[in-house]
Amino acid sequence: MGISPRSLARMSGVFQLLEGVSATFGQVVVLGRLVDFNSAATTAANLLSQERLFWVGLASCLVGTVCHLVWAWLMYELLKPVDRRLAGLVLIVMVVGCAIQAVTGLFYLAPMLLLEDGSSLQAFSTDQLQALALSFLVLNDYSFNIYLVFFGAWCLITGTLIFHSTFLPRLLGALLCISGLGWLMFLHPPLARSLFTPYIAAASAAGELPLMLWLLIAGANSERWRQAERAHYVRQ
């Protein structure tokens, strides 16, 4: 790449910020406002009465997925001098995670299509359509939990690469590993939900915010990055 390591790191920080804001807004803020998992009728009424917010939320989730792909690729380019094979593996993990994140968009979209297109679904009663719409939102929730497991694995491996790098602080890598272990708790969603506040949320903030701020403000040590890259080619 013709981009300097410091600029590469700062671009990574930018896309990390964009992904975090857009995905959180669409998946957490918007759905948190519209969805009542205890009432299909209330959820349907919220979706239909706040349709504009729904579509903004869906678009925000899709933008977040694209930003996450770019962020993952930039981190691969930044960290491949440490261990190219491990960096390649973690890129694959995140591509799979982003594919799952994109699938959540289909489950996000389906309820509105069901509720708006009643003319082609006359075999279903209103209550059945509302229940089916809520079922898709439950699937959205579970598929997002699966994505979080892949994101946790990405954080854990990426944190390990950062810890063994010479051009980023080791502390950032250790903290990101802790964040990854937190997200891996979503292997068992009920346990993760019970631990989310304050434990997983605190681990995420402690691991991801310092990394983002360091990337945005300081970037990477370009000279040490180039030394690591030269050392990698010597080992080859």
Protein backbone atom coordinates (compact mmCIF):
# COMPACT_ATOMS: atom_id res chain seq x y z
CA MET A 1 0.00 0.00 0.00
CA GLY A 2 1.13 3.60 -0.60
CA ILE A 3 -0.35 4.76 2.70
CA SER A 4 2.00 5.40 5.61
CA PRO A 5 1.56 3.15 8.67
CA ARG A 6 0.49 6.12 10.80
CA SER A 7 -2.17 7.13 8.27
CA LEU A 8 -3.27 3.51 8.01
CA ALA A 9 -3.74 3.38 11.77
CA ARG A 10 -5.68 6.64 11.82
CA MET A 11 -7.96 5.45 9.03
CA SER A 12 -8.58 2.31 11.08
CA GLY A 13 -9.61 4.49 14.01
CA VAL A 14 -11.99 6.48 11.80
CA PHE A 15 -13.76 3.37 10.51
CA GLN A 16 -13.87 1.88 14.00
CA LEU A 17 -15.68 5.02 15.14
CA LEU A 18 -18.05 5.00 12.16
CA GLU A 19 -18.87 1.33 12.65
CA GLY A 20 -19.47 1.71 16.36
CA VAL A 21 -21.77 4.71 16.00
CA SER A 22 -23.80 3.44 13.04
CA ALA A 23 -24.25 -0.17 14.23
CA THR A 24 -25.10 0.89 17.78
CA PHE A 25 -27.63 3.45 16.57
CA GLY A 26 -29.40 1.05 14.20
CA GLN A 27 -29.28 -2.15 16.22
CA VAL A 28 -29.49 -0.86 19.79
CA VAL A 29 -30.98 2.64 19.86
CA VAL A 30 -33.60 2.34 17.11
CA LEU A 31 -34.72 -1.23 17.81
CA GLY A 32 -34.63 -0.51 21.53
CA ARG A 33 -37.14 2.26 20.92
CA LEU A 34 -39.39 0.36 18.52
CA VAL A 35 -39.42 -3.23 19.75
CA ASP A 36 -41.31 -4.59 22.74
CA PHE A 37 -40.44 -8.28 22.91
CA ASN A 38 -43.37 -8.82 25.28
CA SER A 39 -45.99 -7.42 22.91
CA ALA A 40 -46.26 -8.11 19.17
CA ALA A 41 -49.10 -5.60 18.84
CA THR A 42 -47.13 -2.78 20.48
CA THR A 43 -44.10 -3.55 18.33
CA ALA A 44 -46.19 -3.52 15.14
CA ALA A 45 -47.80 -0.21 16.11
CA ASN A 46 -44.37 1.31 16.83
CA LEU A 47 -42.96 0.15 13.51
CA LEU A 48 -45.86 1.50 11.47
CA SER A 49 -46.10 4.81 13.34
CA GLN A 50 -42.33 5.48 13.21
CA GLU A 51 -41.55 4.13 9.78
CA ARG A 52 -38.96 6.80 8.97
CA LEU A 53 -36.97 5.97 12.10
CA PHE A 54 -37.15 2.28 11.17
CA TRP A 55 -35.66 2.86 7.71
CA VAL A 56 -32.94 5.14 9.10
CA GLY A 57 -32.08 2.41 11.60
CA LEU A 58 -31.87 -0.24 8.88
CA ALA A 59 -29.66 1.98 6.71
CA SER A 60 -27.45 2.69 9.71
CA CYS A 61 -26.97 -1.04 10.34
CA LEU A 62 -25.97 -1.64 6.72
CA VAL A 63 -23.52 1.28 6.79
CA GLY A 64 -22.08 -0.21 9.98
CA THR A 65 -21.50 -3.53 8.24
CA VAL A 66 -19.61 -1.87 5.38
CA CYS A 67 -17.54 0.21 7.80
CA HIS A 68 -16.71 -2.91 9.78
CA LEU A 69 -15.42 -4.67 6.67
CA VAL A 70 -13.20 -1.71 5.84
CA TRP A 71 -11.99 -1.49 9.46
CA ALA A 72 -11.14 -5.22 9.48
CA TRP A 73 -9.17 -4.90 6.23
CA LEU A 74 -7.26 -1.84 7.47
CA MET A 75 -6.35 -3.64 10.69
CA TYR A 76 -5.13 -6.59 8.62
CA GLU A 77 -2.89 -4.30 6.60
CA LEU A 78 -1.64 -2.67 9.81
CA LEU A 79 -0.92 -5.88 11.70
CA LYS A 80 0.28 -8.27 9.00
CA PRO A 81 4.00 -7.50 9.68
CA VAL A 82 3.51 -9.10 13.11
CA ASP A 83 2.20 -12.42 11.77
CA ARG A 84 0.73 -12.49 8.28
CA ARG A 85 -1.01 -15.85 8.69
CA LEU A 86 -2.64 -14.94 11.99
CA ALA A 87 -3.64 -11.54 10.61
CA GLY A 88 -5.16 -13.31 7.60
CA LEU A 89 -7.06 -15.67 9.88
CA VAL A 90 -8.50 -12.82 11.92
CA LEU A 91 -9.55 -11.05 8.71
CA ILE A 92 -11.45 -14.18 7.63
CA VAL A 93 -13.11 -14.38 11.06
CA MET A 94 -14.34 -10.82 10.72
CA VAL A 95 -15.52 -11.28 7.13
CA VAL A 96 -17.69 -14.17 8.34
CA GLY A 97 -18.86 -12.00 11.25
CA CYS A 98 -19.78 -9.18 8.88
CA ALA A 99 -21.68 -11.62 6.66
CA ILE A 100 -23.74 -12.60 9.71
CA GLN A 101 -24.13 -8.90 10.54
CA ALA A 102 -25.50 -8.36 7.03
CA VAL A 103 -27.99 -11.22 7.49
CA THR A 104 -29.36 -9.43 10.55
CA GLY A 105 -30.39 -6.73 8.08
CA LEU A 106 -32.75 -9.19 6.38
CA PHE A 107 -34.38 -10.04 9.71
CA TYR A 108 -34.51 -6.29 10.43
CA LEU A 109 -36.31 -5.64 7.12
CA ALA A 110 -38.76 -8.57 7.15
CA PRO A 111 -41.19 -7.26 9.84
CA MET A 112 -41.91 -4.04 7.96
CA LEU A 113 -42.52 -5.95 4.73
CA LEU A 114 -44.93 -8.27 6.53
CA LEU A 115 -46.84 -5.46 8.20
CA GLU A 116 -47.09 -3.24 5.12
CA ASP A 117 -47.87 -5.90 2.51
CA GLY A 118 -51.04 -7.28 4.07
CA SER A 119 -52.80 -7.65 0.71
CA SER A 120 -50.58 -10.57 -0.34
CA LEU A 121 -50.80 -12.24 3.08
CA GLN A 122 -54.57 -12.43 3.50
CA ALA A 123 -54.35 -16.01 4.76
CA PHE A 124 -52.87 -14.62 7.98
CA SER A 125 -54.82 -12.73 10.60
CA THR A 126 -53.57 -9.41 11.93
CA ASP A 127 -52.47 -11.08 15.17
CA GLN A 128 -50.57 -13.75 13.24
CA LEU A 129 -48.79 -11.17 11.08
CA GLN A 130 -47.81 -9.19 14.15
CA ALA A 131 -46.51 -12.32 15.87
CA LEU A 132 -44.56 -13.30 12.75
CA ALA A 133 -43.06 -9.81 12.51
CA LEU A 134 -41.92 -10.01 16.12
CA SER A 135 -40.44 -13.47 15.45
CA PHE A 136 -38.19 -11.99 12.76
CA LEU A 137 -37.02 -9.33 15.23
CA VAL A 138 -36.21 -12.10 17.72
CA LEU A 139 -34.18 -13.79 14.97
CA ASN A 140 -32.45 -10.46 14.36
CA ASP A 141 -31.52 -10.35 18.03
CA TYR A 142 -30.15 -13.90 18.06
CA SER A 143 -28.22 -13.47 14.81
CA PHE A 144 -26.65 -10.29 16.19
CA ASN A 145 -25.57 -12.30 19.24
CA ILE A 146 -23.85 -14.76 16.89
CA TYR A 147 -22.10 -11.86 15.19
CA LEU A 148 -20.88 -10.66 18.61
CA VAL A 149 -19.20 -14.05 19.15
CA PHE A 150 -17.21 -13.59 15.93
CA PHE A 151 -16.42 -10.02 16.93
CA GLY A 152 -15.18 -11.32 20.29
CA ALA A 153 -12.88 -13.79 18.51
CA TRP A 154 -11.65 -10.95 16.29
CA CYS A 155 -10.91 -8.78 19.34
CA LEU A 156 -9.06 -11.62 21.08
CA ILE A 157 -6.81 -12.46 18.12
CA THR A 158 -6.29 -8.83 17.11
CA GLY A 159 -5.40 -8.00 20.71
CA THR A 160 -2.81 -10.78 20.64
CA LEU A 161 -1.28 -9.36 17.46
CA ILE A 162 -1.17 -5.86 18.96
CA PHE A 163 0.42 -7.24 22.15
CA HIS A 164 3.22 -8.84 20.11
CA SER A 165 3.71 -5.80 17.88
CA THR A 166 6.40 -3.20 18.45
CA PHE A 167 4.57 -0.26 16.86
CA LEU A 168 1.47 -0.16 19.10
CA PRO A 169 1.36 -0.19 22.93
CA ARG A 170 1.10 -3.68 24.42
CA LEU A 171 -1.48 -2.45 26.91
CA LEU A 172 -3.92 -1.80 24.05
CA GLY A 173 -3.59 -5.43 22.98
CA ALA A 174 -4.14 -6.76 26.50
CA LEU A 175 -7.24 -4.60 26.99
CA LEU A 176 -8.66 -5.63 23.60
CA CYS A 177 -8.22 -9.30 24.57
CA ILE A 178 -10.30 -8.64 27.70
CA SER A 179 -12.98 -7.03 25.51
CA GLY A 180 -12.93 -10.08 23.26
CA LEU A 181 -13.42 -12.46 26.18
CA GLY A 182 -16.42 -10.38 27.21
CA TRP A 183 -18.07 -10.62 23.80
CA LEU A 184 -17.38 -14.37 23.67
CA MET A 185 -19.82 -14.69 26.56
CA PHE A 186 -22.53 -14.41 23.88
CA LEU A 187 -21.82 -18.07 23.16
CA HIS A 188 -24.47 -18.37 25.90
CA PRO A 189 -26.76 -15.34 25.39
CA PRO A 190 -28.70 -15.63 28.69
CA LEU A 191 -25.41 -15.55 30.63
CA ALA A 192 -24.14 -12.66 28.50
CA ARG A 193 -27.28 -10.62 29.09
CA SER A 194 -27.02 -11.14 32.84
CA LEU A 195 -23.37 -10.03 32.77
CA PHE A 196 -23.69 -7.27 30.19
CA THR A 197 -24.21 -4.47 32.70
CA PRO A 198 -21.71 -3.65 34.02
CA TYR A 199 -19.16 -6.38 33.21
CA ILE A 200 -19.22 -6.92 29.43
CA ALA A 201 -20.02 -3.25 28.76
CA ALA A 202 -17.08 -2.19 30.95
CA ALA A 203 -14.74 -4.69 29.27
CA SER A 204 -15.81 -3.41 25.85
CA ALA A 205 -15.27 0.22 26.80
CA ALA A 206 -11.91 -0.53 28.42
CA GLY A 207 -10.67 -2.46 25.39
CA GLU A 208 -12.11 -0.67 22.39
CA LEU A 209 -12.20 3.02 23.35
CA PRO A 210 -8.46 3.29 24.18
CA LEU A 211 -7.60 1.53 20.92
CA MET A 212 -9.82 3.85 18.89
CA LEU A 213 -8.44 6.99 20.57
CA TRP A 214 -4.84 5.82 20.16
CA LEU A 215 -5.37 5.03 16.48
CA LEU A 216 -7.09 8.37 15.84
CA ILE A 217 -4.61 10.54 17.76
CA ALA A 218 -1.23 8.80 17.77
CA GLY A 219 -1.53 6.25 14.99
CA ALA A 220 1.26 3.69 14.71
CA ASN A 221 5.03 4.13 15.03
CA SER A 222 5.96 4.15 11.33
CA GLU A 223 9.66 3.35 11.80
CA ARG A 224 8.97 0.35 14.03
CA TRP A 225 6.25 -0.83 11.64
CA ARG A 226 8.74 -0.79 8.76
CA GLN A 227 11.30 -2.61 10.90
CA ALA A 228 8.70 -5.29 11.64
CA GLU A 229 7.85 -5.54 7.94
CA ARG A 230 11.53 -5.95 7.00
CA ALA A 231 11.97 -8.57 9.72
CA HIS A 232 8.96 -10.45 8.37
CA TYR A 233 10.47 -10.63 4.88
CA VAL A 234 13.80 -11.78 6.32
CA ARG A 235 12.02 -14.63 8.12
CA GLN A 236 10.45 -15.62 4.81
